[in-house]
Amino acid sequence: TRECFVVAAEGADKARIEREIVTMPNYFADYDTTVHFITMEEL
């Protein structure tokens, strides 16, 4: 499985970012992928 911790820019479309991650060929499309949006401090 793949687990992603992502810091998004203020106002960024998180749904679009998550969609681009989980459907990315050769990287994530073939895996069960979980995306967590967190703050820069948490990262």
All heavy atoms as atom14 arrays in JSON, in Angstrom:
{
  "sequence": "TRECFVVAAEGADKARIEREIVTMPNYFADYDTTVHFITMEEL",
  "atom14_mask": [
    [1, 1, 1, 1, 1, 1, 1, 0, 0, 0, 0, 0, 0, 0],
    [1, 1, 1, 1, 1, 1, 1, 1, 1, 1, 1, 0, 0, 0],
    [1, 1, 1, 1, 1, 1, 1, 1, 1, 0, 0, 0, 0, 0],
    [1, 1, 1, 1, 1, 1, 0, 0, 0, 0, 0, 0, 0, 0],
    [1, 1, 1, 1, 1, 1, 1, 1, 1, 1, 1, 0, 0, 0],
    [1, 1, 1, 1, 1, 1, 1, 0, 0, 0, 0, 0, 0, 0],
    [1, 1, 1, 1, 1, 1, 1, 0, 0, 0, 0, 0, 0, 0],
    [1, 1, 1, 1, 1, 0, 0, 0, 0, 0, 0, 0, 0, 0],
    [1, 1, 1, 1, 1, 0, 0, 0, 0, 0, 0, 0, 0, 0],
    [1, 1, 1, 1, 1, 1, 1, 1, 1, 0, 0, 0, 0, 0],
    [1, 1, 1, 1, 0, 0, 0, 0, 0, 0, 0, 0, 0, 0],
    [1, 1, 1, 1, 1, 0, 0, 0, 0, 0, 0, 0, 0, 0],
    [1, 1, 1, 1, 1, 1, 1, 1, 0, 0, 0, 0, 0, 0],
    [1, 1, 1, 1, 1, 1, 1, 1, 1, 0, 0, 0, 0, 0],
    [1, 1, 1, 1, 1, 0, 0, 0, 0, 0, 0, 0, 0, 0],
    [1, 1, 1, 1, 1, 1, 1, 1, 1, 1, 1, 0, 0, 0],
    [1, 1, 1, 1, 1, 1, 1, 1, 0, 0, 0, 0, 0, 0],
    [1, 1, 1, 1, 1, 1, 1, 1, 1, 0, 0, 0, 0, 0],
    [1, 1, 1, 1, 1, 1, 1, 1, 1, 1, 1, 0, 0, 0],
    [1, 1, 1, 1, 1, 1, 1, 1, 1, 0, 0, 0, 0, 0],
    [1, 1, 1, 1, 1, 1, 1, 1, 0, 0, 0, 0, 0, 0],
    [1, 1, 1, 1, 1, 1, 1, 0, 0, 0, 0, 0, 0, 0],
    [1, 1, 1, 1, 1, 1, 1, 0, 0, 0, 0, 0, 0, 0],
    [1, 1, 1, 1, 1, 1, 1, 1, 0, 0, 0, 0, 0, 0],
    [1, 1, 1, 1, 1, 1, 1, 0, 0, 0, 0, 0, 0, 0],
    [1, 1, 1, 1, 1, 1, 1, 1, 0, 0, 0, 0, 0, 0],
    [1, 1, 1, 1, 1, 1, 1, 1, 1, 1, 1, 1, 0, 0],
    [1, 1, 1, 1, 1, 1, 1, 1, 1, 1, 1, 0, 0, 0],
    [1, 1, 1, 1, 1, 0, 0, 0, 0, 0, 0, 0, 0, 0],
    [1, 1, 1, 1, 1, 1, 1, 1, 0, 0, 0, 0, 0, 0],
    [1, 1, 1, 1, 1, 1, 1, 1, 1, 1, 1, 1, 0, 0],
    [1, 1, 1, 1, 1, 1, 1, 1, 0, 0, 0, 0, 0, 0],
    [1, 1, 1, 1, 1, 1, 1, 0, 0, 0, 0, 0, 0, 0],
    [1, 1, 1, 1, 1, 1, 1, 0, 0, 0, 0, 0, 0, 0],
    [1, 1, 1, 1, 1, 1, 1, 0, 0, 0, 0, 0, 0, 0],
    [1, 1, 1, 1, 1, 1, 1, 1, 1, 1, 0, 0, 0, 0],
    [1, 1, 1, 1, 1, 1, 1, 1, 1, 1, 1, 0, 0, 0],
    [1, 1, 1, 1, 1, 1, 1, 1, 0, 0, 0, 0, 0, 0],
    [1, 1, 1, 1, 1, 1, 1, 0, 0, 0, 0, 0, 0, 0],
    [1, 1, 1, 1, 1, 1, 1, 1, 0, 0, 0, 0, 0, 0],
    [1, 1, 1, 1, 1, 1, 1, 1, 1, 0, 0, 0, 0, 0],
    [1, 1, 1, 1, 1, 1, 1, 1, 1, 0, 0, 0, 0, 0],
    [1, 1, 1, 1, 1, 1, 1, 1, 0, 0, 0, 0, 0, 0]
  ],
  "atom14_positions": [
    [[0.86, -1.18, 0.0], [0.0, 0.0, 0.0], [0.9, 1.24, 0.0], [2.1, 1.15, 0.3], [-0.92, 0.04, 1.24], [-0.12, 0.03, 2.43], [-1.85, -1.16, 1.26], [0.0, 0.0, 0.0], [0.0, 0.0, 0.0], [0.0, 0.0, 0.0], [0.0, 0.0, 0.0], [0.0, 0.0, 0.0], [0.0, 0.0, 0.0], [0.0, 0.0, 0.0]],
    [[0.32, 2.36, -0.35], [1.08, 3.62, -0.36], [0.34, 4.66, 0.49], [-0.88, 4.81, 0.37], [1.29, 4.14, -1.78], [2.14, 3.19, -2.63], [2.64, 3.86, -3.9], [3.44, 2.95, -4.71], [4.73, 2.72, -4.55], [5.39, 3.33, -3.56], [5.39, 1.91, -5.35], [0.0, 0.0, 0.0], [0.0, 0.0, 0.0], [0.0, 0.0, 0.0]],
    [[1.11, 5.34, 1.34], [0.53, 6.33, 2.24], [1.23, 7.66, 2.01], [2.46, 7.74, 2.1], [0.69, 5.88, 3.69], [-0.16, 6.68, 4.67], [-0.24, 6.01, 6.04], [0.52, 5.06, 6.29], [-1.06, 6.46, 6.85], [0.0, 0.0, 0.0], [0.0, 0.0, 0.0], [0.0, 0.0, 0.0], [0.0, 0.0, 0.0], [0.0, 0.0, 0.0]],
    [[0.45, 8.7, 1.73], [1.0, 10.0, 1.35], [0.61, 11.06, 2.37], [-0.56, 11.15, 2.77], [0.48, 10.42, -0.03], [0.64, 9.15, -1.31], [0.0, 0.0, 0.0], [0.0, 0.0, 0.0], [0.0, 0.0, 0.0], [0.0, 0.0, 0.0], [0.0, 0.0, 0.0], [0.0, 0.0, 0.0], [0.0, 0.0, 0.0], [0.0, 0.0, 0.0]],
    [[1.6, 11.86, 2.76], [1.37, 12.99, 3.66], [1.72, 14.25, 2.88], [2.88, 14.46, 2.5], [2.2, 12.84, 4.93], [1.8, 11.66, 5.77], [2.3, 10.39, 5.51], [0.87, 11.82, 6.79], [1.91, 9.29, 6.27], [0.48, 10.73, 7.57], [0.99, 9.47, 7.3], [0.0, 0.0, 0.0], [0.0, 0.0, 0.0], [0.0, 0.0, 0.0]],
    [[0.7, 15.1, 2.66], [0.83, 16.19, 1.7], [0.53, 17.53, 2.36], [-0.46, 17.66, 3.08], [-0.13, 15.97, 0.5], [0.0, 17.1, -0.51], [0.13, 14.62, -0.15], [0.0, 0.0, 0.0], [0.0, 0.0, 0.0], [0.0, 0.0, 0.0], [0.0, 0.0, 0.0], [0.0, 0.0, 0.0], [0.0, 0.0, 0.0], [0.0, 0.0, 0.0]],
    [[1.39, 18.51, 2.09], [1.15, 19.89, 2.51], [0.69, 20.65, 1.27], [1.44, 20.8, 0.3], [2.41, 20.55, 3.09], [2.1, 21.98, 3.51], [2.94, 19.73, 4.27], [0.0, 0.0, 0.0], [0.0, 0.0, 0.0], [0.0, 0.0, 0.0], [0.0, 0.0, 0.0], [0.0, 0.0, 0.0], [0.0, 0.0, 0.0], [0.0, 0.0, 0.0]],
    [[-0.55, 21.11, 1.3], [-1.11, 21.83, 0.15], [-1.0, 23.33, 0.37], [-1.03, 23.83, 1.5], [-2.57, 21.43, -0.06], [0.0, 0.0, 0.0], [0.0, 0.0, 0.0], [0.0, 0.0, 0.0], [0.0, 0.0, 0.0], [0.0, 0.0, 0.0], [0.0, 0.0, 0.0], [0.0, 0.0, 0.0], [0.0, 0.0, 0.0], [0.0, 0.0, 0.0]],
    [[-0.85, 24.05, -0.72], [-0.83, 25.51, -0.65], [-2.2, 26.01, -0.22], [-3.23, 25.36, -0.44], [-0.45, 26.09, -2.01], [0.0, 0.0, 0.0], [0.0, 0.0, 0.0], [0.0, 0.0, 0.0], [0.0, 0.0, 0.0], [0.0, 0.0, 0.0], [0.0, 0.0, 0.0], [0.0, 0.0, 0.0], [0.0, 0.0, 0.0], [0.0, 0.0, 0.0]],
    [[-2.21, 27.18, 0.4], [-3.46, 27.77, 0.84], [-4.38, 27.99, -0.36], [-3.98, 28.55, -1.37], [-3.2, 29.1, 1.55], [-4.44, 29.71, 2.18], [-4.13, 30.96, 2.98], [-2.93, 31.27, 3.16], [-5.08, 31.64, 3.41], [0.0, 0.0, 0.0], [0.0, 0.0, 0.0], [0.0, 0.0, 0.0], [0.0, 0.0, 0.0], [0.0, 0.0, 0.0]],
    [[-5.6, 27.5, -0.24], [-6.57, 27.66, -1.32], [-6.47, 26.63, -2.42], [-7.27, 26.64, -3.36], [0.0, 0.0, 0.0], [0.0, 0.0, 0.0], [0.0, 0.0, 0.0], [0.0, 0.0, 0.0], [0.0, 0.0, 0.0], [0.0, 0.0, 0.0], [0.0, 0.0, 0.0], [0.0, 0.0, 0.0], [0.0, 0.0, 0.0], [0.0, 0.0, 0.0]],
    [[-5.51, 25.72, -2.34], [-5.36, 24.7, -3.37], [-6.54, 23.73, -3.35], [-7.15, 23.48, -2.3], [-4.05, 23.94, -3.18], [0.0, 0.0, 0.0], [0.0, 0.0, 0.0], [0.0, 0.0, 0.0], [0.0, 0.0, 0.0], [0.0, 0.0, 0.0], [0.0, 0.0, 0.0], [0.0, 0.0, 0.0], [0.0, 0.0, 0.0], [0.0, 0.0, 0.0]],
    [[-6.85, 23.17, -4.49], [-7.95, 22.22, -4.62], [-7.45, 20.84, -4.15], [-6.82, 20.11, -4.91], [-8.4, 22.18, -6.08], [-9.62, 21.28, -6.3], [-9.93, 20.47, -5.4], [-10.23, 21.37, -7.37], [0.0, 0.0, 0.0], [0.0, 0.0, 0.0], [0.0, 0.0, 0.0], [0.0, 0.0, 0.0], [0.0, 0.0, 0.0], [0.0, 0.0, 0.0]],
    [[-7.74, 20.5, -2.91], [-7.24, 19.25, -2.35], [-7.84, 18.03, -3.04], [-7.17, 17.0, -3.2], [-7.51, 19.2, -0.84], [-6.71, 20.24, -0.06], [-6.99, 20.13, 1.43], [-6.17, 21.16, 2.21], [-6.45, 21.09, 3.67], [0.0, 0.0, 0.0], [0.0, 0.0, 0.0], [0.0, 0.0, 0.0], [0.0, 0.0, 0.0], [0.0, 0.0, 0.0]],
    [[-9.09, 18.13, -3.45], [-9.71, 17.01, -4.14], [-8.99, 16.72, -5.45], [-8.76, 15.56, -5.81], [-11.19, 17.3, -4.39], [0.0, 0.0, 0.0], [0.0, 0.0, 0.0], [0.0, 0.0, 0.0], [0.0, 0.0, 0.0], [0.0, 0.0, 0.0], [0.0, 0.0, 0.0], [0.0, 0.0, 0.0], [0.0, 0.0, 0.0], [0.0, 0.0, 0.0]],
    [[-8.62, 17.77, -6.17], [-7.88, 17.59, -7.43], [-6.51, 16.99, -7.16], [-6.06, 16.08, -7.88], [-7.72, 18.93, -8.16], [-6.82, 18.83, -9.4], [-6.5, 20.18, -9.99], [-5.88, 21.09, -9.03], [-4.59, 21.05, -8.68], [-3.78, 20.12, -9.17], [-4.11, 21.93, -7.82], [0.0, 0.0, 0.0], [0.0, 0.0, 0.0], [0.0, 0.0, 0.0]],
    [[-5.82, 17.49, -6.12], [-4.49, 16.97, -5.79], [-4.57, 15.48, -5.45], [-3.78, 14.67, -5.94], [-3.88, 17.77, -4.62], [-3.56, 19.2, -5.07], [-2.63, 17.07, -4.09], [-3.15, 20.12, -3.93], [0.0, 0.0, 0.0], [0.0, 0.0, 0.0], [0.0, 0.0, 0.0], [0.0, 0.0, 0.0], [0.0, 0.0, 0.0], [0.0, 0.0, 0.0]],
    [[-5.55, 15.11, -4.63], [-5.7, 13.7, -4.25], [-6.0, 12.85, -5.48], [-5.43, 11.75, -5.64], [-6.81, 13.54, -3.21], [-7.0, 12.09, -2.78], [-7.98, 11.96, -1.61], [-8.53, 12.99, -1.17], [-8.18, 10.82, -1.16], [0.0, 0.0, 0.0], [0.0, 0.0, 0.0], [0.0, 0.0, 0.0], [0.0, 0.0, 0.0], [0.0, 0.0, 0.0]],
    [[-6.84, 13.35, -6.36], [-7.18, 12.61, -7.58], [-5.95, 12.41, -8.47], [-5.73, 11.33, -9.01], [-8.28, 13.36, -8.34], [-8.84, 12.61, -9.54], [-10.13, 13.25, -10.03], [-9.94, 14.65, -10.41], [-10.43, 15.69, -9.71], [-11.12, 15.47, -8.61], [-10.23, 16.92, -10.12], [0.0, 0.0, 0.0], [0.0, 0.0, 0.0], [0.0, 0.0, 0.0]],
    [[-5.14, 13.47, -8.6], [-3.93, 13.36, -9.42], [-2.94, 12.37, -8.83], [-2.22, 11.67, -9.56], [-3.27, 14.74, -9.59], [-4.02, 15.68, -10.52], [-3.21, 16.9, -10.88], [-1.96, 16.78, -11.0], [-3.8, 17.98, -11.05], [0.0, 0.0, 0.0], [0.0, 0.0, 0.0], [0.0, 0.0, 0.0], [0.0, 0.0, 0.0], [0.0, 0.0, 0.0]],
    [[-2.89, 12.3, -7.5], [-1.97, 11.35, -6.86], [-2.42, 9.92, -7.1], [-1.68, 9.09, -7.62], [-1.87, 11.63, -5.34], [-1.17, 12.97, -5.08], [-1.1, 10.5, -4.64], [-1.21, 13.41, -3.63], [0.0, 0.0, 0.0], [0.0, 0.0, 0.0], [0.0, 0.0, 0.0], [0.0, 0.0, 0.0], [0.0, 0.0, 0.0], [0.0, 0.0, 0.0]],
    [[-3.66, 9.61, -6.73], [-4.1, 8.2, -6.74], [-4.24, 7.65, -8.16], [-4.23, 6.42, -8.35], [-5.42, 8.03, -5.96], [-5.25, 8.45, -4.51], [-6.57, 8.78, -6.62], [0.0, 0.0, 0.0], [0.0, 0.0, 0.0], [0.0, 0.0, 0.0], [0.0, 0.0, 0.0], [0.0, 0.0, 0.0], [0.0, 0.0, 0.0], [0.0, 0.0, 0.0]],
    [[-4.33, 8.52, -9.17], [-4.46, 8.04, -10.55], [-3.15, 8.17, -11.34], [-3.13, 7.86, -12.54], [-5.55, 8.83, -11.3], [-5.21, 10.23, -11.33], [-6.9, 8.65, -10.63], [0.0, 0.0, 0.0], [0.0, 0.0, 0.0], [0.0, 0.0, 0.0], [0.0, 0.0, 0.0], [0.0, 0.0, 0.0], [0.0, 0.0, 0.0], [0.0, 0.0, 0.0]],
    [[-2.05, 8.56, -10.69], [-0.8, 8.79, -11.4], [-0.22, 7.47, -11.91], [0.12, 6.58, -11.13], [0.21, 9.48, -10.47], [1.47, 9.97, -11.17], [2.67, 10.7, -10.0], [1.73, 12.1, -9.37], [0.0, 0.0, 0.0], [0.0, 0.0, 0.0], [0.0, 0.0, 0.0], [0.0, 0.0, 0.0], [0.0, 0.0, 0.0], [0.0, 0.0, 0.0]],
    [[-0.07, 7.33, -13.24], [0.47, 6.08, -13.76], [1.92, 5.86, -13.36], [2.66, 6.83, -13.16], [0.35, 6.26, -15.29], [-0.03, 7.66, -15.54], [-0.4, 8.3, -14.25], [0.0, 0.0, 0.0], [0.0, 0.0, 0.0], [0.0, 0.0, 0.0], [0.0, 0.0, 0.0], [0.0, 0.0, 0.0], [0.0, 0.0, 0.0], [0.0, 0.0, 0.0]],
    [[2.31, 4.6, -13.21], [3.68, 4.18, -12.84], [4.03, 4.49, -11.39], [5.06, 4.02, -10.9], [4.74, 4.82, -13.75], [4.57, 4.44, -15.2], [4.3, 3.29, -15.51], [4.71, 5.42, -16.09], [0.0, 0.0, 0.0], [0.0, 0.0, 0.0], [0.0, 0.0, 0.0], [0.0, 0.0, 0.0], [0.0, 0.0, 0.0], [0.0, 0.0, 0.0]],
    [[3.23, 5.27, -10.69], [3.55, 5.63, -9.32], [2.48, 5.15, -8.33], [2.79, 4.49, -7.35], [3.72, 7.15, -9.2], [5.03, 7.65, -9.76], [5.15, 7.98, -11.1], [6.15, 7.76, -8.95], [6.36, 8.43, -11.62], [7.37, 8.21, -9.45], [7.46, 8.53, -10.79], [8.66, 8.96, -11.29], [0.0, 0.0, 0.0], [0.0, 0.0, 0.0]],
    [[1.19, 5.5, -8.56], [0.16, 5.22, -7.57], [-1.06, 4.49, -8.1], [-1.82, 3.9, -7.32], [-0.3, 6.53, -6.91], [0.79, 7.26, -6.19], [1.43, 8.34, -6.78], [1.21, 6.85, -4.93], [2.46, 9.01, -6.12], [2.23, 7.51, -4.26], [2.86, 8.59, -4.87], [0.0, 0.0, 0.0], [0.0, 0.0, 0.0], [0.0, 0.0, 0.0]],
    [[-1.27, 4.52, -9.41], [-2.53, 4.01, -9.96], [-2.77, 2.53, -9.66], [-3.91, 2.09, -9.54], [-2.57, 4.24, -11.47], [0.0, 0.0, 0.0], [0.0, 0.0, 0.0], [0.0, 0.0, 0.0], [0.0, 0.0, 0.0], [0.0, 0.0, 0.0], [0.0, 0.0, 0.0], [0.0, 0.0, 0.0], [0.0, 0.0, 0.0], [0.0, 0.0, 0.0]],
    [[-1.7, 1.76, -9.51], [-1.85, 0.32, -9.3], [-1.85, -0.09, -7.83], [-1.78, -1.29, -7.53], [-0.72, -0.43, -10.02], [-0.78, -0.26, -11.52], [-1.9, -0.09, -12.05], [0.28, -0.27, -12.17], [0.0, 0.0, 0.0], [0.0, 0.0, 0.0], [0.0, 0.0, 0.0], [0.0, 0.0, 0.0], [0.0, 0.0, 0.0], [0.0, 0.0, 0.0]],
    [[-1.92, 0.87, -6.93], [-1.84, 0.58, -5.49], [-3.05, 1.16, -4.76], [-3.65, 2.15, -5.19], [-0.58, 1.2, -4.88], [0.71, 0.7, -5.47], [1.23, 1.27, -6.63], [1.41, -0.35, -4.88], [2.42, 0.81, -7.19], [2.6, -0.81, -5.42], [3.1, -0.23, -6.58], [4.27, -0.67, -7.13], [0.0, 0.0, 0.0], [0.0, 0.0, 0.0]],
    [[-3.38, 0.58, -3.61], [-4.31, 1.22, -2.69], [-3.55, 2.35, -2.02], [-2.58, 2.11, -1.28], [-4.81, 0.22, -1.64], [-5.76, -0.81, -2.24], [-6.37, -0.51, -3.28], [-5.87, -1.91, -1.69], [0.0, 0.0, 0.0], [0.0, 0.0, 0.0], [0.0, 0.0, 0.0], [0.0, 0.0, 0.0], [0.0, 0.0, 0.0], [0.0, 0.0, 0.0]],
    [[-3.95, 3.58, -2.3], [-3.21, 4.77, -1.87], [-4.07, 5.63, -0.97], [-5.21, 5.96, -1.31], [-2.75, 5.59, -3.09], [-1.93, 4.77, -3.92], [-1.97, 6.82, -2.66], [0.0, 0.0, 0.0], [0.0, 0.0, 0.0], [0.0, 0.0, 0.0], [0.0, 0.0, 0.0], [0.0, 0.0, 0.0], [0.0, 0.0, 0.0], [0.0, 0.0, 0.0]],
    [[-3.5, 6.0, 0.19], [-4.19, 6.88, 1.13], [-3.46, 8.23, 1.15], [-2.23, 8.28, 1.26], [-4.19, 6.28, 2.54], [-4.77, 4.98, 2.49], [-4.98, 7.15, 3.5], [0.0, 0.0, 0.0], [0.0, 0.0, 0.0], [0.0, 0.0, 0.0], [0.0, 0.0, 0.0], [0.0, 0.0, 0.0], [0.0, 0.0, 0.0], [0.0, 0.0, 0.0]],
    [[-4.22, 9.31, 1.05], [-3.63, 10.66, 1.04], [-4.1, 11.4, 2.29], [-5.3, 11.52, 2.55], [-4.05, 11.45, -0.21], [-3.46, 12.86, -0.18], [-3.61, 10.71, -1.48], [0.0, 0.0, 0.0], [0.0, 0.0, 0.0], [0.0, 0.0, 0.0], [0.0, 0.0, 0.0], [0.0, 0.0, 0.0], [0.0, 0.0, 0.0], [0.0, 0.0, 0.0]],
    [[-3.13, 11.89, 3.08], [-3.42, 12.7, 4.26], [-2.92, 14.12, 4.0], [-1.75, 14.31, 3.64], [-2.7, 12.15, 5.5], [-2.94, 10.7, 5.78], [-4.04, 10.24, 6.47], [-2.2, 9.59, 5.47], [-3.98, 8.91, 6.57], [-2.87, 8.5, 5.97], [0.0, 0.0, 0.0], [0.0, 0.0, 0.0], [0.0, 0.0, 0.0], [0.0, 0.0, 0.0]],
    [[-3.76, 15.11, 4.2], [-3.33, 16.5, 4.11], [-2.99, 17.0, 5.5], [-3.81, 16.91, 6.42], [-4.42, 17.36, 3.46], [-4.58, 17.09, 1.99], [-5.58, 16.25, 1.54], [-3.71, 17.67, 1.08], [-5.72, 15.98, 0.18], [-3.85, 17.41, -0.29], [-4.85, 16.57, -0.73], [0.0, 0.0, 0.0], [0.0, 0.0, 0.0], [0.0, 0.0, 0.0]],
    [[-1.77, 17.48, 5.67], [-1.29, 17.94, 6.97], [-0.61, 19.3, 6.81], [-0.4, 19.79, 5.69], [-0.29, 16.92, 7.58], [0.93, 16.75, 6.67], [-0.98, 15.59, 7.84], [2.0, 15.85, 7.26], [0.0, 0.0, 0.0], [0.0, 0.0, 0.0], [0.0, 0.0, 0.0], [0.0, 0.0, 0.0], [0.0, 0.0, 0.0], [0.0, 0.0, 0.0]],
    [[-0.25, 19.9, 7.93], [0.43, 21.19, 7.9], [1.93, 21.0, 7.7], [2.47, 19.91, 7.92], [0.19, 21.97, 9.19], [0.84, 21.27, 10.28], [-1.29, 22.12, 9.5], [0.0, 0.0, 0.0], [0.0, 0.0, 0.0], [0.0, 0.0, 0.0], [0.0, 0.0, 0.0], [0.0, 0.0, 0.0], [0.0, 0.0, 0.0], [0.0, 0.0, 0.0]],
    [[2.6, 22.08, 7.33], [4.05, 22.02, 7.17], [4.72, 21.7, 8.5], [5.71, 20.96, 8.55], [4.58, 23.34, 6.62], [6.06, 23.33, 6.27], [6.45, 22.23, 4.88], [5.92, 23.27, 3.51], [0.0, 0.0, 0.0], [0.0, 0.0, 0.0], [0.0, 0.0, 0.0], [0.0, 0.0, 0.0], [0.0, 0.0, 0.0], [0.0, 0.0, 0.0]],
    [[4.17, 22.22, 9.58], [4.72, 21.95, 10.91], [4.63, 20.46, 11.24], [5.57, 19.87, 11.78], [3.99, 22.78, 11.97], [4.25, 24.27, 11.91], [3.57, 24.96, 10.73], [2.57, 24.39, 10.21], [4.03, 26.04, 10.31], [0.0, 0.0, 0.0], [0.0, 0.0, 0.0], [0.0, 0.0, 0.0], [0.0, 0.0, 0.0], [0.0, 0.0, 0.0]],
    [[3.5, 19.85, 10.93], [3.33, 18.42, 11.18], [4.29, 17.59, 10.33], [4.85, 16.6, 10.8], [1.88, 18.01, 10.89], [0.87, 18.52, 11.91], [-0.57, 18.24, 11.48], [-0.89, 18.43, 10.3], [-1.36, 17.81, 12.35], [0.0, 0.0, 0.0], [0.0, 0.0, 0.0], [0.0, 0.0, 0.0], [0.0, 0.0, 0.0], [0.0, 0.0, 0.0]],
    [[4.48, 18.0, 9.08], [5.4, 17.27, 8.2], [6.81, 17.3, 8.76], [7.51, 16.28, 8.82], [5.36, 17.86, 6.79], [6.13, 17.06, 5.74], [5.36, 15.81, 5.35], [6.42, 17.91, 4.51], [0.0, 0.0, 0.0], [0.0, 0.0, 0.0], [0.0, 0.0, 0.0], [0.0, 0.0, 0.0], [0.0, 0.0, 0.0], [0.0, 0.0, 0.0]]
  ]
}
